[in-house]
Amino acid sequence: MAVLVGLGAAKELGVLDSLGQPAVLAHELVDLGGWGYLAFVATYALLQPFGVPGTVFIFAAPLIWPWPVAFALSMAGTMAASVIGFSFVRFIARDWVASRIPARFRKYDDALERRGFTTVVALRFVFWMPQALHAFLAVSKVPFWTHFWGSLIGYLVPIFLVSYFGQKVWDALRSWPANVWVGVGVGCLIVALIAWAVRALRRRRAATTRRASVDAG
């Protein structure tokens, strides 16, 4: 119900209608003043846990407001989204989600049981706020407040860096000539292909090892 109410408010403020037009959205949010802050945080908090990447909001904020405001709003939105995502899974969809957590997060189960706070800090610092991480922490044994404060500490540095340098990086990127962008695109494609090949090779080796174990048994 809270999600529906929040989305309705964002709709009434015109935020949802402007999501596909970044320049228009930025102008409208600035014109809204304090209501713009609320609309940004509410939209971020209610959409991110259910599929919209949080990085879209974090990187957009310093392009709209001065960095101290962008940092405060990004932290507020990120923490609200984390609490909503965590609480939704823990209290509503825990059983359904438990069997669908990506295997790469399973290796942190023991660490969370022994060193919950520091593990949450490290996971948030490295991975930020993917929906899968909200869900994984929710089905773990980490207490709510350990998750809350660990997430807060883990987010501080990366969100500060994006908020402080975001506008400067954007201005620098806009000045790049077309050939540089082509080179970056090709480089990203090569890296993606290498990563895909390495993963495929690992899966093949794992499958071969399992078959060998079955045959030996």
N, C-alpha and C. Protein backbone atom coordinates (compact mmCIF):
# COMPACT_ATOMS: atom_id res chain seq x y z
N MET A 1 0.82 -1.20 0.00
CA MET A 1 0.00 0.00 0.00
C MET A 1 0.86 1.26 0.00
N ALA A 2 1.93 1.25 0.83
CA ALA A 2 2.82 2.42 0.89
C ALA A 2 3.48 2.67 -0.46
N VAL A 3 3.84 1.57 -1.14
CA VAL A 3 4.46 1.70 -2.46
C VAL A 3 3.48 2.35 -3.44
N LEU A 4 2.24 1.90 -3.43
CA LEU A 4 1.25 2.46 -4.33
C LEU A 4 0.99 3.93 -4.04
N VAL A 5 0.92 4.29 -2.75
CA VAL A 5 0.70 5.68 -2.38
C VAL A 5 1.86 6.54 -2.84
N GLY A 6 3.10 6.03 -2.62
CA GLY A 6 4.27 6.79 -3.04
C GLY A 6 4.33 6.98 -4.54
N LEU A 7 4.02 5.93 -5.26
CA LEU A 7 4.03 6.04 -6.72
C LEU A 7 2.94 7.00 -7.20
N GLY A 8 1.80 6.98 -6.51
CA GLY A 8 0.74 7.92 -6.87
C GLY A 8 1.17 9.36 -6.65
N ALA A 9 1.88 9.61 -5.54
CA ALA A 9 2.38 10.96 -5.27
C ALA A 9 3.39 11.38 -6.33
N ALA A 10 4.27 10.47 -6.70
CA ALA A 10 5.26 10.78 -7.73
C ALA A 10 4.58 11.07 -9.06
N LYS A 11 3.50 10.35 -9.33
CA LYS A 11 2.73 10.59 -10.56
C LYS A 11 2.10 11.98 -10.53
N GLU A 12 1.51 12.35 -9.40
CA GLU A 12 0.86 13.64 -9.28
C GLU A 12 1.86 14.79 -9.40
N LEU A 13 3.08 14.56 -8.90
CA LEU A 13 4.12 15.59 -8.99
C LEU A 13 4.74 15.66 -10.37
N GLY A 14 4.39 14.72 -11.24
CA GLY A 14 4.90 14.75 -12.61
C GLY A 14 6.22 14.06 -12.80
N VAL A 15 6.73 13.40 -11.74
CA VAL A 15 8.06 12.78 -11.83
C VAL A 15 8.04 11.58 -12.77
N LEU A 16 7.04 10.72 -12.63
CA LEU A 16 7.01 9.51 -13.46
C LEU A 16 6.84 9.86 -14.93
N ASP A 17 6.06 10.90 -15.22
CA ASP A 17 5.85 11.29 -16.62
C ASP A 17 7.12 11.83 -17.25
N SER A 18 8.07 12.29 -16.43
CA SER A 18 9.27 12.93 -16.96
C SER A 18 10.50 12.04 -16.93
N LEU A 19 10.34 10.78 -16.45
CA LEU A 19 11.52 9.92 -16.32
C LEU A 19 12.21 9.68 -17.66
N GLY A 20 11.47 9.67 -18.73
CA GLY A 20 12.07 9.45 -20.04
C GLY A 20 12.64 10.71 -20.67
N GLN A 21 12.55 11.85 -19.97
CA GLN A 21 13.07 13.11 -20.48
C GLN A 21 13.95 13.74 -19.41
N PRO A 22 15.21 13.34 -19.29
CA PRO A 22 16.08 13.78 -18.19
C PRO A 22 16.17 15.29 -18.04
N ALA A 23 16.30 16.03 -19.15
CA ALA A 23 16.45 17.48 -19.05
C ALA A 23 15.18 18.11 -18.47
N VAL A 24 14.02 17.63 -18.93
CA VAL A 24 12.75 18.13 -18.41
C VAL A 24 12.60 17.78 -16.94
N LEU A 25 12.96 16.54 -16.59
CA LEU A 25 12.86 16.09 -15.21
C LEU A 25 13.72 16.94 -14.29
N ALA A 26 14.96 17.21 -14.70
CA ALA A 26 15.86 18.01 -13.88
C ALA A 26 15.28 19.40 -13.64
N HIS A 27 14.77 20.02 -14.70
CA HIS A 27 14.20 21.35 -14.58
C HIS A 27 12.99 21.36 -13.64
N GLU A 28 12.14 20.35 -13.76
CA GLU A 28 10.95 20.28 -12.92
C GLU A 28 11.31 20.06 -11.45
N LEU A 29 12.29 19.21 -11.20
CA LEU A 29 12.68 18.94 -9.82
C LEU A 29 13.25 20.19 -9.15
N VAL A 30 14.07 20.95 -9.88
CA VAL A 30 14.62 22.18 -9.32
C VAL A 30 13.50 23.18 -9.04
N ASP A 31 12.56 23.29 -9.96
CA ASP A 31 11.45 24.23 -9.78
C ASP A 31 10.56 23.86 -8.59
N LEU A 32 10.49 22.57 -8.27
CA LEU A 32 9.65 22.12 -7.15
C LEU A 32 10.24 22.46 -5.79
N GLY A 33 11.52 22.83 -5.74
CA GLY A 33 12.14 23.17 -4.47
C GLY A 33 12.16 21.99 -3.52
N GLY A 34 11.63 22.20 -2.30
CA GLY A 34 11.61 21.12 -1.31
C GLY A 34 10.79 19.93 -1.74
N TRP A 35 9.71 20.18 -2.49
CA TRP A 35 8.91 19.07 -3.01
C TRP A 35 9.70 18.26 -4.02
N GLY A 36 10.63 18.91 -4.72
CA GLY A 36 11.50 18.19 -5.64
C GLY A 36 12.39 17.21 -4.91
N TYR A 37 12.90 17.63 -3.74
CA TYR A 37 13.70 16.72 -2.92
C TYR A 37 12.87 15.50 -2.55
N LEU A 38 11.65 15.76 -2.08
CA LEU A 38 10.78 14.67 -1.65
C LEU A 38 10.45 13.75 -2.82
N ALA A 39 10.15 14.34 -3.97
CA ALA A 39 9.81 13.53 -5.14
C ALA A 39 10.97 12.65 -5.56
N PHE A 40 12.20 13.19 -5.53
CA PHE A 40 13.38 12.42 -5.90
C PHE A 40 13.57 11.23 -4.96
N VAL A 41 13.55 11.51 -3.65
CA VAL A 41 13.79 10.45 -2.66
C VAL A 41 12.69 9.40 -2.72
N ALA A 42 11.43 9.85 -2.83
CA ALA A 42 10.31 8.91 -2.85
C ALA A 42 10.36 8.02 -4.09
N THR A 43 10.62 8.64 -5.25
CA THR A 43 10.68 7.86 -6.49
C THR A 43 11.82 6.86 -6.45
N TYR A 44 12.98 7.31 -5.98
CA TYR A 44 14.15 6.44 -5.83
C TYR A 44 13.82 5.28 -4.89
N ALA A 45 13.28 5.60 -3.71
CA ALA A 45 13.04 4.59 -2.69
C ALA A 45 12.01 3.56 -3.12
N LEU A 46 11.02 3.98 -3.89
CA LEU A 46 9.93 3.08 -4.24
C LEU A 46 10.17 2.29 -5.52
N LEU A 47 11.02 2.81 -6.40
CA LEU A 47 11.26 2.12 -7.66
C LEU A 47 12.51 1.22 -7.62
N GLN A 48 13.55 1.66 -6.92
CA GLN A 48 14.81 0.90 -6.93
C GLN A 48 14.67 -0.53 -6.41
N PRO A 49 13.96 -0.76 -5.29
CA PRO A 49 13.88 -2.15 -4.80
C PRO A 49 13.16 -3.10 -5.75
N PHE A 50 12.45 -2.55 -6.74
CA PHE A 50 11.64 -3.40 -7.61
C PHE A 50 12.10 -3.33 -9.07
N GLY A 51 13.38 -2.99 -9.28
CA GLY A 51 13.93 -3.15 -10.62
C GLY A 51 14.66 -1.98 -11.23
N VAL A 52 14.40 -0.74 -10.81
CA VAL A 52 15.09 0.41 -11.40
C VAL A 52 16.46 0.55 -10.76
N PRO A 53 17.55 0.62 -11.54
CA PRO A 53 18.90 0.72 -10.95
C PRO A 53 19.07 1.99 -10.11
N GLY A 54 19.59 1.83 -8.90
CA GLY A 54 19.82 3.00 -8.04
C GLY A 54 20.88 3.93 -8.59
N THR A 55 21.81 3.40 -9.38
CA THR A 55 22.87 4.24 -9.93
C THR A 55 22.31 5.33 -10.84
N VAL A 56 21.15 5.08 -11.44
CA VAL A 56 20.51 6.10 -12.28
C VAL A 56 20.25 7.35 -11.45
N PHE A 57 19.74 7.18 -10.24
CA PHE A 57 19.42 8.30 -9.38
C PHE A 57 20.68 8.94 -8.81
N ILE A 58 21.65 8.11 -8.40
CA ILE A 58 22.86 8.64 -7.77
C ILE A 58 23.67 9.46 -8.75
N PHE A 59 23.78 9.00 -9.98
CA PHE A 59 24.54 9.75 -10.98
C PHE A 59 23.78 10.96 -11.50
N ALA A 60 22.45 10.90 -11.44
CA ALA A 60 21.65 12.04 -11.90
C ALA A 60 21.63 13.18 -10.90
N ALA A 61 21.66 12.86 -9.61
CA ALA A 61 21.50 13.88 -8.57
C ALA A 61 22.51 15.03 -8.68
N PRO A 62 23.83 14.77 -8.84
CA PRO A 62 24.77 15.89 -8.93
C PRO A 62 24.65 16.69 -10.22
N LEU A 63 23.92 16.17 -11.20
CA LEU A 63 23.68 16.93 -12.43
C LEU A 63 22.49 17.87 -12.26
N ILE A 64 21.73 17.68 -11.19
CA ILE A 64 20.54 18.49 -10.93
C ILE A 64 20.79 19.51 -9.83
N TRP A 65 21.46 19.09 -8.75
CA TRP A 65 21.65 19.94 -7.58
C TRP A 65 23.14 20.08 -7.25
N PRO A 66 23.51 21.07 -6.41
CA PRO A 66 24.90 21.15 -5.91
C PRO A 66 25.25 19.88 -5.15
N TRP A 67 26.54 19.54 -5.11
CA TRP A 67 26.92 18.24 -4.59
C TRP A 67 26.48 17.97 -3.15
N PRO A 68 26.50 18.96 -2.22
CA PRO A 68 26.03 18.61 -0.86
C PRO A 68 24.57 18.17 -0.84
N VAL A 69 23.73 18.85 -1.65
CA VAL A 69 22.32 18.46 -1.73
C VAL A 69 22.20 17.09 -2.40
N ALA A 70 22.95 16.90 -3.48
CA ALA A 70 22.92 15.62 -4.19
C ALA A 70 23.34 14.48 -3.27
N PHE A 71 24.37 14.71 -2.47
CA PHE A 71 24.86 13.67 -1.55
C PHE A 71 23.79 13.33 -0.51
N ALA A 72 23.18 14.35 0.09
CA ALA A 72 22.16 14.11 1.10
C ALA A 72 20.96 13.37 0.52
N LEU A 73 20.51 13.79 -0.65
CA LEU A 73 19.35 13.14 -1.28
C LEU A 73 19.67 11.72 -1.72
N SER A 74 20.87 11.52 -2.26
CA SER A 74 21.26 10.17 -2.69
C SER A 74 21.36 9.22 -1.50
N MET A 75 21.93 9.71 -0.39
CA MET A 75 22.01 8.87 0.80
C MET A 75 20.62 8.55 1.33
N ALA A 76 19.74 9.58 1.38
CA ALA A 76 18.39 9.35 1.89
C ALA A 76 17.64 8.35 1.00
N GLY A 77 17.72 8.54 -0.32
CA GLY A 77 17.04 7.63 -1.23
C GLY A 77 17.60 6.22 -1.18
N THR A 78 18.92 6.11 -1.11
CA THR A 78 19.57 4.80 -1.08
C THR A 78 19.21 4.04 0.19
N MET A 79 19.26 4.74 1.33
CA MET A 79 18.91 4.08 2.58
C MET A 79 17.43 3.68 2.61
N ALA A 80 16.56 4.57 2.12
CA ALA A 80 15.13 4.23 2.10
C ALA A 80 14.87 3.04 1.19
N ALA A 81 15.52 3.02 0.01
CA ALA A 81 15.35 1.90 -0.91
C ALA A 81 15.88 0.60 -0.29
N SER A 82 17.00 0.69 0.42
CA SER A 82 17.57 -0.50 1.05
C SER A 82 16.66 -1.05 2.13
N VAL A 83 16.09 -0.15 2.93
CA VAL A 83 15.16 -0.58 3.99
C VAL A 83 13.91 -1.21 3.39
N ILE A 84 13.36 -0.60 2.35
CA ILE A 84 12.15 -1.15 1.71
C ILE A 84 12.45 -2.51 1.09
N GLY A 85 13.57 -2.60 0.34
CA GLY A 85 13.92 -3.87 -0.29
C GLY A 85 14.17 -4.97 0.73
N PHE A 86 14.91 -4.64 1.79
CA PHE A 86 15.21 -5.59 2.86
C PHE A 86 13.93 -6.02 3.58
N SER A 87 13.10 -5.05 3.96
CA SER A 87 11.89 -5.35 4.73
C SER A 87 10.87 -6.13 3.91
N PHE A 88 10.74 -5.80 2.63
CA PHE A 88 9.79 -6.52 1.78
C PHE A 88 10.12 -8.01 1.72
N VAL A 89 11.40 -8.31 1.54
CA VAL A 89 11.80 -9.72 1.45
C VAL A 89 11.70 -10.39 2.81
N ARG A 90 12.21 -9.75 3.86
CA ARG A 90 12.24 -10.41 5.17
C ARG A 90 10.85 -10.68 5.72
N PHE A 91 9.93 -9.75 5.53
CA PHE A 91 8.63 -9.88 6.18
C PHE A 91 7.50 -10.33 5.26
N ILE A 92 7.72 -10.31 3.95
CA ILE A 92 6.63 -10.64 3.02
C ILE A 92 7.00 -11.80 2.09
N ALA A 93 8.20 -11.74 1.50
CA ALA A 93 8.52 -12.70 0.43
C ALA A 93 9.76 -13.55 0.75
N ARG A 94 10.02 -13.79 2.01
CA ARG A 94 11.27 -14.46 2.39
C ARG A 94 11.39 -15.86 1.80
N ASP A 95 10.38 -16.69 1.96
CA ASP A 95 10.46 -18.07 1.49
C ASP A 95 10.62 -18.13 -0.03
N TRP A 96 9.87 -17.29 -0.74
CA TRP A 96 9.92 -17.30 -2.20
C TRP A 96 11.28 -16.86 -2.70
N VAL A 97 11.88 -15.88 -2.03
CA VAL A 97 13.15 -15.30 -2.49
C VAL A 97 14.33 -16.19 -2.12
N ALA A 98 14.25 -16.88 -1.00
CA ALA A 98 15.41 -17.62 -0.47
C ALA A 98 16.02 -18.56 -1.49
N SER A 99 15.18 -19.21 -2.30
CA SER A 99 15.69 -20.19 -3.26
C SER A 99 16.19 -19.54 -4.55
N ARG A 100 16.07 -18.22 -4.65
CA ARG A 100 16.43 -17.54 -5.90
C ARG A 100 17.61 -16.59 -5.74
N ILE A 101 18.28 -16.62 -4.59
CA ILE A 101 19.43 -15.75 -4.37
C ILE A 101 20.59 -16.23 -5.24
N PRO A 102 21.27 -15.33 -5.98
CA PRO A 102 22.42 -15.73 -6.80
C PRO A 102 23.49 -16.44 -5.98
N ALA A 103 24.07 -17.45 -6.58
CA ALA A 103 25.06 -18.27 -5.87
C ALA A 103 26.26 -17.46 -5.40
N ARG A 104 26.58 -16.38 -6.12
CA ARG A 104 27.79 -15.62 -5.77
C ARG A 104 27.67 -14.96 -4.39
N PHE A 105 26.44 -14.79 -3.89
CA PHE A 105 26.27 -14.19 -2.57
C PHE A 105 26.30 -15.24 -1.46
N ARG A 106 26.11 -16.51 -1.82
CA ARG A 106 26.05 -17.55 -0.80
C ARG A 106 27.34 -17.67 0.02
N LYS A 107 28.46 -17.35 -0.61
CA LYS A 107 29.74 -17.51 0.07
C LYS A 107 29.89 -16.57 1.27
N TYR A 108 29.00 -15.57 1.36
CA TYR A 108 29.08 -14.63 2.47
C TYR A 108 28.23 -15.05 3.66
N ASP A 109 27.54 -16.19 3.57
CA ASP A 109 26.66 -16.63 4.66
C ASP A 109 27.40 -16.76 5.99
N ASP A 110 28.52 -17.48 5.96
CA ASP A 110 29.27 -17.71 7.20
C ASP A 110 29.82 -16.41 7.76
N ALA A 111 30.33 -15.56 6.87
CA ALA A 111 30.88 -14.27 7.32
C ALA A 111 29.79 -13.41 7.96
N LEU A 112 28.58 -13.45 7.40
CA LEU A 112 27.48 -12.67 7.97
C LEU A 112 27.11 -13.18 9.36
N GLU A 113 27.21 -14.49 9.55
CA GLU A 113 26.86 -15.04 10.85
C GLU A 113 27.90 -14.69 11.91
N ARG A 114 29.18 -14.65 11.50
CA ARG A 114 30.26 -14.36 12.46
C ARG A 114 30.52 -12.87 12.61
N ARG A 115 30.51 -12.13 11.49
CA ARG A 115 30.88 -10.70 11.51
C ARG A 115 29.84 -9.93 10.69
N GLY A 116 28.63 -9.88 11.19
CA GLY A 116 27.53 -9.30 10.43
C GLY A 116 27.75 -7.86 10.02
N PHE A 117 28.12 -7.00 10.98
CA PHE A 117 28.24 -5.57 10.68
C PHE A 117 29.32 -5.30 9.65
N THR A 118 30.52 -5.82 9.88
CA THR A 118 31.62 -5.54 8.95
C THR A 118 31.38 -6.16 7.58
N THR A 119 30.69 -7.29 7.54
CA THR A 119 30.39 -7.92 6.25
C THR A 119 29.38 -7.09 5.47
N VAL A 120 28.35 -6.57 6.16
CA VAL A 120 27.38 -5.70 5.49
C VAL A 120 28.07 -4.45 4.96
N VAL A 121 28.94 -3.85 5.77
CA VAL A 121 29.68 -2.66 5.31
C VAL A 121 30.46 -2.98 4.04
N ALA A 122 31.18 -4.09 4.05
CA ALA A 122 32.01 -4.46 2.89
C ALA A 122 31.15 -4.74 1.66
N LEU A 123 30.04 -5.46 1.83
CA LEU A 123 29.17 -5.78 0.69
C LEU A 123 28.56 -4.52 0.10
N ARG A 124 28.10 -3.61 0.96
CA ARG A 124 27.51 -2.37 0.46
C ARG A 124 28.57 -1.48 -0.21
N PHE A 125 29.76 -1.46 0.34
CA PHE A 125 30.84 -0.65 -0.24
C PHE A 125 31.20 -1.14 -1.64
N VAL A 126 31.22 -2.45 -1.82
CA VAL A 126 31.64 -3.03 -3.10
C VAL A 126 30.48 -3.09 -4.10
N PHE A 127 29.33 -3.62 -3.66
CA PHE A 127 28.23 -3.89 -4.60
C PHE A 127 27.17 -2.79 -4.63
N TRP A 128 27.17 -1.89 -3.63
CA TRP A 128 26.17 -0.83 -3.50
C TRP A 128 24.80 -1.41 -3.20
N MET A 129 23.83 -1.19 -4.11
CA MET A 129 22.45 -1.50 -3.73
C MET A 129 21.68 -2.36 -4.74
N PRO A 130 22.27 -3.42 -5.28
CA PRO A 130 21.48 -4.25 -6.20
C PRO A 130 20.33 -4.93 -5.46
N GLN A 131 19.24 -5.16 -6.17
CA GLN A 131 18.09 -5.79 -5.55
C GLN A 131 18.43 -7.16 -4.97
N ALA A 132 19.32 -7.88 -5.66
CA ALA A 132 19.70 -9.21 -5.17
C ALA A 132 20.40 -9.13 -3.82
N LEU A 133 21.16 -8.06 -3.58
CA LEU A 133 21.84 -7.92 -2.29
C LEU A 133 20.84 -7.56 -1.19
N HIS A 134 19.86 -6.70 -1.48
CA HIS A 134 18.79 -6.46 -0.51
C HIS A 134 18.19 -7.80 -0.08
N ALA A 135 17.87 -8.62 -1.08
CA ALA A 135 17.19 -9.89 -0.82
C ALA A 135 18.09 -10.84 -0.03
N PHE A 136 19.36 -10.92 -0.42
CA PHE A 136 20.27 -11.84 0.25
C PHE A 136 20.42 -11.48 1.73
N LEU A 137 20.61 -10.19 2.01
CA LEU A 137 20.76 -9.76 3.40
C LEU A 137 19.47 -10.02 4.18
N ALA A 138 18.33 -9.89 3.51
CA ALA A 138 17.05 -10.10 4.19
C ALA A 138 16.84 -11.55 4.58
N VAL A 139 17.29 -12.50 3.76
CA VAL A 139 17.09 -13.91 4.10
C VAL A 139 18.22 -14.46 4.97
N SER A 140 19.25 -13.64 5.20
CA SER A 140 20.33 -14.05 6.10
C SER A 140 19.90 -13.85 7.54
N LYS A 141 20.83 -14.12 8.49
CA LYS A 141 20.52 -13.96 9.90
C LYS A 141 20.90 -12.58 10.44
N VAL A 142 21.23 -11.66 9.53
CA VAL A 142 21.63 -10.31 9.96
C VAL A 142 20.42 -9.58 10.55
N PRO A 143 20.54 -9.04 11.77
CA PRO A 143 19.43 -8.26 12.35
C PRO A 143 19.18 -6.99 11.54
N PHE A 144 17.95 -6.48 11.64
CA PHE A 144 17.57 -5.30 10.86
C PHE A 144 18.51 -4.13 11.11
N TRP A 145 18.79 -3.81 12.38
CA TRP A 145 19.59 -2.63 12.67
C TRP A 145 21.05 -2.82 12.31
N THR A 146 21.55 -4.05 12.33
CA THR A 146 22.90 -4.32 11.83
C THR A 146 22.96 -4.03 10.34
N HIS A 147 21.92 -4.46 9.63
CA HIS A 147 21.83 -4.17 8.20
C HIS A 147 21.75 -2.67 7.96
N PHE A 148 20.94 -1.97 8.75
CA PHE A 148 20.73 -0.53 8.55
C PHE A 148 22.04 0.24 8.73
N TRP A 149 22.69 0.09 9.87
CA TRP A 149 23.90 0.87 10.15
C TRP A 149 25.08 0.41 9.29
N GLY A 150 25.18 -0.88 9.03
CA GLY A 150 26.23 -1.36 8.14
C GLY A 150 26.08 -0.82 6.74
N SER A 151 24.84 -0.77 6.25
CA SER A 151 24.57 -0.22 4.92
C SER A 151 24.92 1.27 4.89
N LEU A 152 24.52 1.99 5.92
CA LEU A 152 24.79 3.44 5.98
C LEU A 152 26.29 3.72 5.88
N ILE A 153 27.09 2.99 6.65
CA ILE A 153 28.54 3.20 6.61
C ILE A 153 29.11 2.78 5.26
N GLY A 154 28.63 1.65 4.73
CA GLY A 154 29.15 1.16 3.46
C GLY A 154 28.87 2.07 2.29
N TYR A 155 27.74 2.77 2.33
CA TYR A 155 27.37 3.65 1.23
C TYR A 155 28.11 4.99 1.25
N LEU A 156 28.58 5.43 2.39
CA LEU A 156 29.06 6.81 2.53
C LEU A 156 30.11 7.20 1.51
N VAL A 157 31.18 6.41 1.42
CA VAL A 157 32.30 6.80 0.56
C VAL A 157 31.92 6.77 -0.93
N PRO A 158 31.38 5.67 -1.46
CA PRO A 158 31.07 5.67 -2.90
C PRO A 158 30.05 6.72 -3.30
N ILE A 159 29.02 6.95 -2.48
CA ILE A 159 28.01 7.95 -2.84
C ILE A 159 28.59 9.36 -2.72
N PHE A 160 29.45 9.58 -1.74
CA PHE A 160 30.12 10.88 -1.65
C PHE A 160 30.96 11.16 -2.89
N LEU A 161 31.72 10.16 -3.32
CA LEU A 161 32.58 10.34 -4.49
C LEU A 161 31.76 10.65 -5.74
N VAL A 162 30.66 9.93 -5.93
CA VAL A 162 29.82 10.20 -7.10
C VAL A 162 29.20 11.59 -7.01
N SER A 163 28.73 11.95 -5.82
CA SER A 163 28.08 13.25 -5.65
C SER A 163 29.07 14.39 -5.86
N TYR A 164 30.28 14.23 -5.34
CA TYR A 164 31.27 15.31 -5.41
C TYR A 164 31.86 15.45 -6.81
N PHE A 165 32.17 14.31 -7.44
CA PHE A 165 32.84 14.36 -8.74
C PHE A 165 31.91 14.16 -9.92
N GLY A 166 30.64 13.86 -9.66
CA GLY A 166 29.72 13.52 -10.75
C GLY A 166 29.62 14.60 -11.82
N GLN A 167 29.40 15.85 -11.41
CA GLN A 167 29.27 16.93 -12.38
C GLN A 167 30.57 17.14 -13.14
N LYS A 168 31.70 17.06 -12.44
CA LYS A 168 33.01 17.25 -13.09
C LYS A 168 33.26 16.15 -14.11
N VAL A 169 32.94 14.91 -13.75
CA VAL A 169 33.14 13.79 -14.68
C VAL A 169 32.23 13.95 -15.89
N TRP A 170 30.99 14.35 -15.66
CA TRP A 170 30.04 14.54 -16.77
C TRP A 170 30.53 15.61 -17.73
N ASP A 171 31.01 16.72 -17.18
CA ASP A 171 31.53 17.80 -18.03
C ASP A 171 32.72 17.33 -18.85
N ALA A 172 33.59 16.51 -18.22
CA ALA A 172 34.76 15.99 -18.94
C ALA A 172 34.34 15.03 -20.04
N LEU A 173 33.36 14.17 -19.73
CA LEU A 173 32.90 13.19 -20.73
C LEU A 173 32.26 13.87 -21.93
N ARG A 174 31.54 14.94 -21.69
CA ARG A 174 30.87 15.65 -22.79
C ARG A 174 31.86 16.28 -23.75
N SER A 175 33.09 16.52 -23.27
CA SER A 175 34.09 17.14 -24.13
C SER A 175 34.89 16.12 -24.94
N TRP A 176 34.66 14.83 -24.70
CA TRP A 176 35.40 13.80 -25.44
C TRP A 176 34.97 13.79 -26.90
N PRO A 177 35.91 13.67 -27.83
CA PRO A 177 35.56 13.57 -29.25
C PRO A 177 34.95 12.20 -29.55
N ALA A 178 34.31 12.09 -30.72
CA ALA A 178 33.60 10.86 -31.09
C ALA A 178 34.52 9.65 -31.15
N ASN A 179 35.77 9.83 -31.61
CA ASN A 179 36.67 8.68 -31.74
C ASN A 179 37.03 8.08 -30.38
N VAL A 180 37.05 8.93 -29.34
CA VAL A 180 37.33 8.42 -28.00
C VAL A 180 36.16 7.54 -27.53
N TRP A 181 34.93 8.00 -27.78
CA TRP A 181 33.77 7.21 -27.40
C TRP A 181 33.74 5.87 -28.13
N VAL A 182 34.14 5.89 -29.40
CA VAL A 182 34.20 4.63 -30.15
C VAL A 182 35.21 3.68 -29.52
N GLY A 183 36.37 4.24 -29.16
CA GLY A 183 37.39 3.41 -28.52
C GLY A 183 36.93 2.84 -27.19
N VAL A 184 36.24 3.67 -26.39
CA VAL A 184 35.72 3.19 -25.11
C VAL A 184 34.68 2.09 -25.33
N GLY A 185 33.81 2.30 -26.33
CA GLY A 185 32.79 1.28 -26.63
C GLY A 185 33.40 -0.04 -27.04
N VAL A 186 34.42 0.03 -27.91
CA VAL A 186 35.10 -1.19 -28.34
C VAL A 186 35.78 -1.87 -27.16
N GLY A 187 36.43 -1.06 -26.30
CA GLY A 187 37.09 -1.62 -25.14
C GLY A 187 36.12 -2.32 -24.20
N CYS A 188 34.96 -1.70 -23.97
CA CYS A 188 33.95 -2.32 -23.11
C CYS A 188 33.44 -3.62 -23.71
N LEU A 189 33.27 -3.62 -25.04
CA LEU A 189 32.79 -4.83 -25.71
C LEU A 189 33.81 -5.96 -25.56
N ILE A 190 35.09 -5.63 -25.72
CA ILE A 190 36.15 -6.65 -25.58
C ILE A 190 36.16 -7.21 -24.17
N VAL A 191 36.09 -6.32 -23.16
CA VAL A 191 36.07 -6.77 -21.76
C VAL A 191 34.87 -7.67 -21.50
N ALA A 192 33.69 -7.29 -22.03
CA ALA A 192 32.49 -8.10 -21.84
C ALA A 192 32.65 -9.48 -22.47
N LEU A 193 33.24 -9.53 -23.67
CA LEU A 193 33.44 -10.81 -24.34
C LEU A 193 34.41 -11.69 -23.58
N ILE A 194 35.48 -11.08 -23.05
CA ILE A 194 36.45 -11.85 -22.26
C ILE A 194 35.79 -12.41 -21.01
N ALA A 195 35.00 -11.56 -20.32
CA ALA A 195 34.32 -12.01 -19.10
C ALA A 195 33.37 -13.15 -19.42
N TRP A 196 32.64 -13.03 -20.53
CA TRP A 196 31.72 -14.10 -20.93
C TRP A 196 32.47 -15.38 -21.22
N ALA A 197 33.60 -15.27 -21.91
CA ALA A 197 34.39 -16.45 -22.25
C ALA A 197 34.94 -17.13 -21.01
N VAL A 198 35.44 -16.33 -20.05
CA VAL A 198 35.98 -16.89 -18.81
C VAL A 198 34.89 -17.61 -18.04
N ARG A 199 33.71 -16.99 -17.95
CA ARG A 199 32.60 -17.63 -17.24
C ARG A 199 32.17 -18.93 -17.92
N ALA A 200 32.11 -18.90 -19.25
CA ALA A 200 31.71 -20.11 -19.99
C ALA A 200 32.74 -21.22 -19.76
N LEU A 201 34.02 -20.86 -19.75
CA LEU A 201 35.07 -21.85 -19.51
C LEU A 201 34.96 -22.44 -18.12
N ARG A 202 34.69 -21.60 -17.12
CA ARG A 202 34.54 -22.09 -15.75
C ARG A 202 33.36 -23.03 -15.62
N ARG A 203 32.23 -22.66 -16.25
CA ARG A 203 31.06 -23.53 -16.20
C ARG A 203 31.33 -24.88 -16.85
N ARG A 204 32.07 -24.83 -17.97
CA ARG A 204 32.38 -26.07 -18.67
C ARG A 204 33.28 -26.96 -17.82
N ARG A 205 34.28 -26.34 -17.17
CA ARG A 205 35.18 -27.11 -16.31
C ARG A 205 34.43 -27.70 -15.12
N ALA A 206 33.52 -26.89 -14.54
CA ALA A 206 32.74 -27.39 -13.40
C ALA A 206 31.86 -28.56 -13.82
N ALA A 207 31.25 -28.45 -15.01
CA ALA A 207 30.41 -29.55 -15.50
C ALA A 207 31.24 -30.79 -15.75
N THR A 208 32.45 -30.61 -16.30
CA THR A 208 33.34 -31.75 -16.55
C THR A 208 33.74 -32.42 -15.24
N THR A 209 34.04 -31.59 -14.22
CA THR A 209 34.43 -32.13 -12.92
C THR A 209 33.29 -32.92 -12.29
N ARG A 210 32.05 -32.38 -12.41
CA ARG A 210 30.90 -33.10 -11.84
C ARG A 210 30.69 -34.43 -12.55
N ARG A 211 30.82 -34.42 -13.88
CA ARG A 211 30.64 -35.68 -14.61
C ARG A 211 31.71 -36.70 -14.22
N ALA A 212 32.95 -36.21 -14.03
CA ALA A 212 34.03 -37.11 -13.64
C ALA A 212 33.77 -37.70 -12.27
N SER A 213 33.22 -36.87 -11.36
CA SER A 213 32.91 -37.37 -10.02
C SER A 213 31.82 -38.42 -10.05
N VAL A 214 30.81 -38.18 -10.90
CA VAL A 214 29.72 -39.16 -11.02
C VAL A 214 30.23 -40.46 -11.60
N ASP A 215 31.07 -40.37 -12.64
CA ASP A 215 31.62 -41.58 -13.26
C ASP A 215 32.50 -42.34 -12.27
N ALA A 216 33.28 -41.59 -11.48
CA ALA A 216 34.16 -42.25 -10.50
C ALA A 216 33.36 -42.93 -9.40
N GLY A 217 32.21 -42.32 -9.09
CA GLY A 217 31.37 -42.91 -8.04
C GLY A 217 30.67 -44.16 -8.50
